[in-house]
Amino acid sequence: MTVQELASRFPEIPADLHGEPLLAAFAEAFDAQLEIAHKPSACAEEHDAGNHFYLKLIGPIDIYRYGLYDRERVLKEIGQLVEGHRSDPDGFARGLLPEQVARQEVRGPGCG
């Protein structure tokens, strides 16, 4: 996945990160997980694999977008994800998911 594809799929990634080489490495390293990642519903009671991938991979970037992380911190988080993946690609990717993962996102009562 390229940065352009990543930014198109996840418009919540701020434009000031698009030129970062680290974001390109992130997009390449987590291509398979980012292809199925999707933001969980606000009323989700159980998360599927795509939700977990979103929360662990895109979550820190989204926190930065809201101003709760500074640029330095989000780049550090992205760097740690990339380095973890480089050291053990298969093991790291498996570690992004808890033992029990719903087949699909389960929404709570009254959630449309």
N, C-alpha and C. Protein backbone atom coordinates (compact mmCIF):
# COMPACT_ATOMS: atom_id res chain seq x y z
N MET A 1 0.86 -1.18 0.00
CA MET A 1 0.00 0.00 0.00
C MET A 1 0.90 1.23 0.00
N THR A 2 0.55 2.19 -0.80
CA THR A 2 1.29 3.46 -0.84
C THR A 2 0.70 4.44 0.17
N VAL A 3 1.41 5.51 0.41
CA VAL A 3 0.89 6.55 1.30
C VAL A 3 -0.39 7.15 0.71
N GLN A 4 -0.41 7.32 -0.61
CA GLN A 4 -1.60 7.88 -1.25
C GLN A 4 -2.81 6.95 -1.04
N GLU A 5 -2.61 5.66 -1.19
CA GLU A 5 -3.70 4.70 -0.96
C GLU A 5 -4.12 4.72 0.50
N LEU A 6 -3.13 4.77 1.39
CA LEU A 6 -3.42 4.82 2.83
C LEU A 6 -4.24 6.06 3.18
N ALA A 7 -3.81 7.21 2.69
CA ALA A 7 -4.51 8.47 2.99
C ALA A 7 -5.90 8.50 2.37
N SER A 8 -6.05 7.87 1.24
CA SER A 8 -7.37 7.80 0.60
C SER A 8 -8.30 6.90 1.40
N ARG A 9 -7.76 5.79 1.88
CA ARG A 9 -8.57 4.83 2.65
C ARG A 9 -8.91 5.39 4.04
N PHE A 10 -7.97 6.14 4.61
CA PHE A 10 -8.15 6.70 5.96
C PHE A 10 -7.93 8.21 5.91
N PRO A 11 -8.96 8.97 5.52
CA PRO A 11 -8.80 10.42 5.42
C PRO A 11 -8.52 11.10 6.76
N GLU A 12 -8.65 10.36 7.85
CA GLU A 12 -8.34 10.93 9.16
C GLU A 12 -6.83 11.09 9.37
N ILE A 13 -6.02 10.59 8.46
CA ILE A 13 -4.57 10.79 8.57
C ILE A 13 -4.27 12.22 8.12
N PRO A 14 -3.75 13.04 9.04
CA PRO A 14 -3.49 14.44 8.71
C PRO A 14 -2.49 14.60 7.56
N ALA A 15 -2.72 15.59 6.74
CA ALA A 15 -1.88 15.84 5.56
C ALA A 15 -0.43 16.09 5.92
N ASP A 16 -0.17 16.65 7.11
CA ASP A 16 1.22 16.94 7.48
C ASP A 16 2.05 15.68 7.69
N LEU A 17 1.41 14.51 7.74
CA LEU A 17 2.15 13.25 7.89
C LEU A 17 2.38 12.56 6.54
N HIS A 18 1.68 12.98 5.51
CA HIS A 18 1.73 12.28 4.23
C HIS A 18 3.13 12.20 3.63
N GLY A 19 3.97 13.18 3.87
CA GLY A 19 5.32 13.19 3.31
C GLY A 19 6.36 12.48 4.16
N GLU A 20 5.95 11.96 5.30
CA GLU A 20 6.89 11.31 6.21
C GLU A 20 7.32 9.94 5.67
N PRO A 21 8.62 9.72 5.53
CA PRO A 21 9.11 8.40 5.10
C PRO A 21 8.63 7.28 6.02
N LEU A 22 8.48 7.60 7.29
CA LEU A 22 8.00 6.62 8.25
C LEU A 22 6.57 6.16 7.93
N LEU A 23 5.74 7.07 7.42
CA LEU A 23 4.38 6.70 7.04
C LEU A 23 4.41 5.76 5.83
N ALA A 24 5.33 5.98 4.92
CA ALA A 24 5.48 5.09 3.77
C ALA A 24 5.90 3.69 4.22
N ALA A 25 6.83 3.63 5.15
CA ALA A 25 7.27 2.33 5.69
C ALA A 25 6.11 1.64 6.41
N PHE A 26 5.32 2.40 7.13
CA PHE A 26 4.15 1.89 7.84
C PHE A 26 3.14 1.31 6.85
N ALA A 27 2.84 2.05 5.79
CA ALA A 27 1.87 1.60 4.80
C ALA A 27 2.33 0.31 4.14
N GLU A 28 3.61 0.22 3.85
CA GLU A 28 4.16 -0.98 3.22
C GLU A 28 4.16 -2.17 4.19
N ALA A 29 4.58 -1.93 5.42
CA ALA A 29 4.68 -3.02 6.40
C ALA A 29 3.32 -3.62 6.75
N PHE A 30 2.31 -2.78 6.87
CA PHE A 30 1.01 -3.25 7.34
C PHE A 30 -0.05 -3.30 6.24
N ASP A 31 0.38 -3.45 5.02
CA ASP A 31 -0.53 -3.49 3.88
C ASP A 31 -1.70 -4.45 4.11
N ALA A 32 -1.42 -5.69 4.46
CA ALA A 32 -2.48 -6.70 4.62
C ALA A 32 -3.47 -6.32 5.72
N GLN A 33 -2.97 -5.82 6.83
CA GLN A 33 -3.85 -5.45 7.94
C GLN A 33 -4.63 -4.18 7.62
N LEU A 34 -4.00 -3.23 6.95
CA LEU A 34 -4.67 -1.98 6.62
C LEU A 34 -5.75 -2.18 5.56
N GLU A 35 -5.61 -3.20 4.73
CA GLU A 35 -6.63 -3.50 3.72
C GLU A 35 -7.97 -3.86 4.35
N ILE A 36 -7.94 -4.48 5.55
CA ILE A 36 -9.20 -4.88 6.19
C ILE A 36 -9.55 -4.02 7.40
N ALA A 37 -8.65 -3.12 7.78
CA ALA A 37 -8.91 -2.27 8.94
C ALA A 37 -10.11 -1.36 8.69
N HIS A 38 -10.93 -1.21 9.72
CA HIS A 38 -12.04 -0.26 9.64
C HIS A 38 -12.38 0.20 11.05
N LYS A 39 -12.81 1.45 11.13
CA LYS A 39 -13.12 2.08 12.41
C LYS A 39 -14.34 1.41 13.03
N PRO A 40 -14.25 1.05 14.30
CA PRO A 40 -15.41 0.44 14.96
C PRO A 40 -16.51 1.47 15.20
N SER A 41 -17.72 0.97 15.24
CA SER A 41 -18.88 1.79 15.58
C SER A 41 -18.71 2.29 17.01
N ALA A 42 -19.28 3.43 17.30
CA ALA A 42 -19.22 3.99 18.66
C ALA A 42 -19.92 3.09 19.68
N CYS A 43 -20.82 2.24 19.22
CA CYS A 43 -21.54 1.38 20.15
C CYS A 43 -21.19 -0.10 19.96
N ALA A 44 -20.02 -0.39 19.43
CA ALA A 44 -19.59 -1.77 19.25
C ALA A 44 -19.35 -2.42 20.61
N GLU A 45 -19.88 -3.62 20.76
CA GLU A 45 -19.66 -4.38 21.99
C GLU A 45 -18.57 -5.43 21.81
N GLU A 46 -18.38 -5.89 20.58
CA GLU A 46 -17.31 -6.83 20.25
C GLU A 46 -16.66 -6.37 18.96
N HIS A 47 -15.35 -6.47 18.91
CA HIS A 47 -14.60 -6.02 17.74
C HIS A 47 -14.14 -7.19 16.88
N ASP A 48 -14.22 -6.99 15.56
CA ASP A 48 -13.68 -7.98 14.64
C ASP A 48 -12.22 -7.63 14.36
N ALA A 49 -11.56 -8.43 13.52
CA ALA A 49 -10.14 -8.20 13.23
C ALA A 49 -9.90 -6.82 12.64
N GLY A 50 -10.76 -6.39 11.72
CA GLY A 50 -10.60 -5.08 11.11
C GLY A 50 -10.66 -3.95 12.13
N ASN A 51 -11.54 -4.08 13.12
CA ASN A 51 -11.63 -3.08 14.19
C ASN A 51 -10.33 -3.04 14.99
N HIS A 52 -9.81 -4.21 15.36
CA HIS A 52 -8.58 -4.27 16.14
C HIS A 52 -7.41 -3.67 15.36
N PHE A 53 -7.32 -3.99 14.08
CA PHE A 53 -6.24 -3.43 13.27
C PHE A 53 -6.37 -1.91 13.20
N TYR A 54 -7.58 -1.41 13.05
CA TYR A 54 -7.78 0.04 13.00
C TYR A 54 -7.33 0.67 14.32
N LEU A 55 -7.80 0.14 15.42
CA LEU A 55 -7.49 0.73 16.73
C LEU A 55 -6.00 0.73 17.02
N LYS A 56 -5.32 -0.34 16.67
CA LYS A 56 -3.89 -0.45 16.98
C LYS A 56 -3.01 0.29 15.98
N LEU A 57 -3.41 0.32 14.71
CA LEU A 57 -2.57 0.91 13.68
C LEU A 57 -2.94 2.36 13.37
N ILE A 58 -4.20 2.62 13.15
CA ILE A 58 -4.64 3.98 12.78
C ILE A 58 -4.98 4.80 14.04
N GLY A 59 -5.32 4.13 15.11
CA GLY A 59 -5.71 4.80 16.35
C GLY A 59 -4.75 5.89 16.81
N PRO A 60 -3.44 5.60 16.90
CA PRO A 60 -2.51 6.66 17.34
C PRO A 60 -2.50 7.87 16.41
N ILE A 61 -2.67 7.62 15.12
CA ILE A 61 -2.69 8.72 14.15
C ILE A 61 -3.96 9.55 14.34
N ASP A 62 -5.06 8.88 14.62
CA ASP A 62 -6.32 9.58 14.86
C ASP A 62 -6.24 10.40 16.14
N ILE A 63 -5.57 9.88 17.15
CA ILE A 63 -5.37 10.63 18.40
C ILE A 63 -4.57 11.90 18.11
N TYR A 64 -3.56 11.79 17.26
CA TYR A 64 -2.78 12.96 16.85
C TYR A 64 -3.67 13.97 16.14
N ARG A 65 -4.53 13.49 15.26
CA ARG A 65 -5.43 14.39 14.52
C ARG A 65 -6.27 15.23 15.47
N TYR A 66 -6.67 14.65 16.60
CA TYR A 66 -7.48 15.38 17.58
C TYR A 66 -6.64 16.27 18.49
N GLY A 67 -5.33 16.26 18.30
CA GLY A 67 -4.46 17.12 19.10
C GLY A 67 -4.10 16.56 20.45
N LEU A 68 -4.35 15.27 20.66
CA LEU A 68 -4.04 14.67 21.96
C LEU A 68 -2.63 14.08 22.01
N TYR A 69 -1.99 13.93 20.86
CA TYR A 69 -0.58 13.57 20.75
C TYR A 69 0.08 14.70 19.97
N ASP A 70 1.35 14.93 20.26
CA ASP A 70 2.08 15.87 19.40
C ASP A 70 2.73 15.07 18.27
N ARG A 71 3.23 15.78 17.30
CA ARG A 71 3.80 15.15 16.10
C ARG A 71 4.93 14.18 16.46
N GLU A 72 5.78 14.60 17.36
CA GLU A 72 6.90 13.75 17.78
C GLU A 72 6.41 12.42 18.35
N ARG A 73 5.38 12.49 19.17
CA ARG A 73 4.86 11.27 19.80
C ARG A 73 4.23 10.33 18.77
N VAL A 74 3.43 10.86 17.83
CA VAL A 74 2.79 9.98 16.87
C VAL A 74 3.84 9.35 15.95
N LEU A 75 4.88 10.09 15.59
CA LEU A 75 5.94 9.51 14.77
C LEU A 75 6.69 8.42 15.54
N LYS A 76 6.87 8.63 16.83
CA LYS A 76 7.51 7.61 17.66
C LYS A 76 6.64 6.35 17.69
N GLU A 77 5.33 6.51 17.85
CA GLU A 77 4.41 5.36 17.87
C GLU A 77 4.44 4.62 16.54
N ILE A 78 4.40 5.37 15.43
CA ILE A 78 4.46 4.74 14.11
C ILE A 78 5.79 4.00 13.96
N GLY A 79 6.86 4.61 14.39
CA GLY A 79 8.19 4.00 14.32
C GLY A 79 8.27 2.71 15.11
N GLN A 80 7.67 2.68 16.29
CA GLN A 80 7.67 1.47 17.11
C GLN A 80 6.89 0.35 16.43
N LEU A 81 5.78 0.70 15.80
CA LEU A 81 5.00 -0.30 15.07
C LEU A 81 5.82 -0.88 13.92
N VAL A 82 6.46 -0.01 13.15
CA VAL A 82 7.26 -0.46 12.01
C VAL A 82 8.43 -1.33 12.48
N GLU A 83 9.12 -0.90 13.52
CA GLU A 83 10.26 -1.68 14.03
C GLU A 83 9.81 -3.03 14.58
N GLY A 84 8.70 -3.06 15.29
CA GLY A 84 8.16 -4.32 15.79
C GLY A 84 7.86 -5.27 14.65
N HIS A 85 7.30 -4.74 13.60
CA HIS A 85 6.98 -5.54 12.42
C HIS A 85 8.25 -6.05 11.75
N ARG A 86 9.25 -5.20 11.62
CA ARG A 86 10.51 -5.60 10.98
C ARG A 86 11.20 -6.73 11.74
N SER A 87 11.13 -6.68 13.05
CA SER A 87 11.83 -7.69 13.85
C SER A 87 11.16 -9.06 13.77
N ASP A 88 9.85 -9.12 13.59
CA ASP A 88 9.12 -10.39 13.51
C ASP A 88 7.79 -10.15 12.82
N PRO A 89 7.78 -10.07 11.48
CA PRO A 89 6.56 -9.69 10.75
C PRO A 89 5.33 -10.54 11.09
N ASP A 90 5.46 -11.84 11.06
CA ASP A 90 4.29 -12.69 11.31
C ASP A 90 3.86 -12.63 12.76
N GLY A 91 4.81 -12.72 13.67
CA GLY A 91 4.49 -12.68 15.09
C GLY A 91 3.90 -11.34 15.51
N PHE A 92 4.46 -10.27 14.99
CA PHE A 92 3.95 -8.95 15.34
C PHE A 92 2.53 -8.76 14.84
N ALA A 93 2.27 -9.18 13.60
CA ALA A 93 0.92 -9.05 13.03
C ALA A 93 -0.08 -9.86 13.85
N ARG A 94 0.29 -11.08 14.25
CA ARG A 94 -0.60 -11.89 15.09
C ARG A 94 -0.84 -11.22 16.44
N GLY A 95 0.18 -10.55 16.96
CA GLY A 95 0.08 -9.89 18.25
C GLY A 95 -0.85 -8.68 18.26
N LEU A 96 -1.25 -8.22 17.09
CA LEU A 96 -2.19 -7.10 17.02
C LEU A 96 -3.61 -7.52 17.38
N LEU A 97 -3.84 -8.83 17.41
CA LEU A 97 -5.19 -9.33 17.71
C LEU A 97 -5.20 -10.05 19.05
N PRO A 98 -6.25 -9.85 19.84
CA PRO A 98 -6.38 -10.62 21.08
C PRO A 98 -6.74 -12.07 20.74
N GLU A 99 -6.76 -12.93 21.74
CA GLU A 99 -7.08 -14.34 21.51
C GLU A 99 -8.48 -14.54 20.92
N GLN A 100 -9.45 -13.85 21.45
CA GLN A 100 -10.84 -13.99 21.00
C GLN A 100 -11.22 -12.77 20.15
N VAL A 101 -11.52 -13.02 18.90
CA VAL A 101 -11.91 -11.96 17.98
C VAL A 101 -13.25 -12.33 17.36
N ALA A 102 -14.18 -11.41 17.39
CA ALA A 102 -15.49 -11.66 16.78
C ALA A 102 -15.33 -11.82 15.27
N ARG A 103 -16.17 -12.68 14.68
CA ARG A 103 -16.15 -12.85 13.22
C ARG A 103 -16.54 -11.57 12.52
N GLN A 104 -17.44 -10.83 13.15
CA GLN A 104 -17.83 -9.52 12.65
C GLN A 104 -18.15 -8.64 13.84
N GLU A 105 -18.09 -7.34 13.63
CA GLU A 105 -18.36 -6.39 14.71
C GLU A 105 -19.76 -6.61 15.25
N VAL A 106 -19.87 -6.64 16.57
CA VAL A 106 -21.17 -6.79 17.22
C VAL A 106 -21.54 -5.45 17.84
N ARG A 107 -22.67 -4.93 17.43
CA ARG A 107 -23.13 -3.64 17.95
C ARG A 107 -24.11 -3.87 19.09
N GLY A 108 -24.14 -2.93 20.00
CA GLY A 108 -25.00 -3.04 21.16
C GLY A 108 -26.47 -2.76 20.83
N PRO A 109 -27.34 -2.98 21.81
CA PRO A 109 -28.76 -2.75 21.62
C PRO A 109 -29.05 -1.29 21.24
N GLY A 110 -29.96 -1.11 20.31
CA GLY A 110 -30.34 0.23 19.91
C GLY A 110 -29.37 0.90 18.97
N CYS A 111 -28.36 0.19 18.55
CA CYS A 111 -27.35 0.76 17.64
C CYS A 111 -27.74 0.36 16.22
N GLY A 112 -27.86 1.33 15.35
CA GLY A 112 -28.29 1.05 13.99
C GLY A 112 -27.25 0.67 13.03
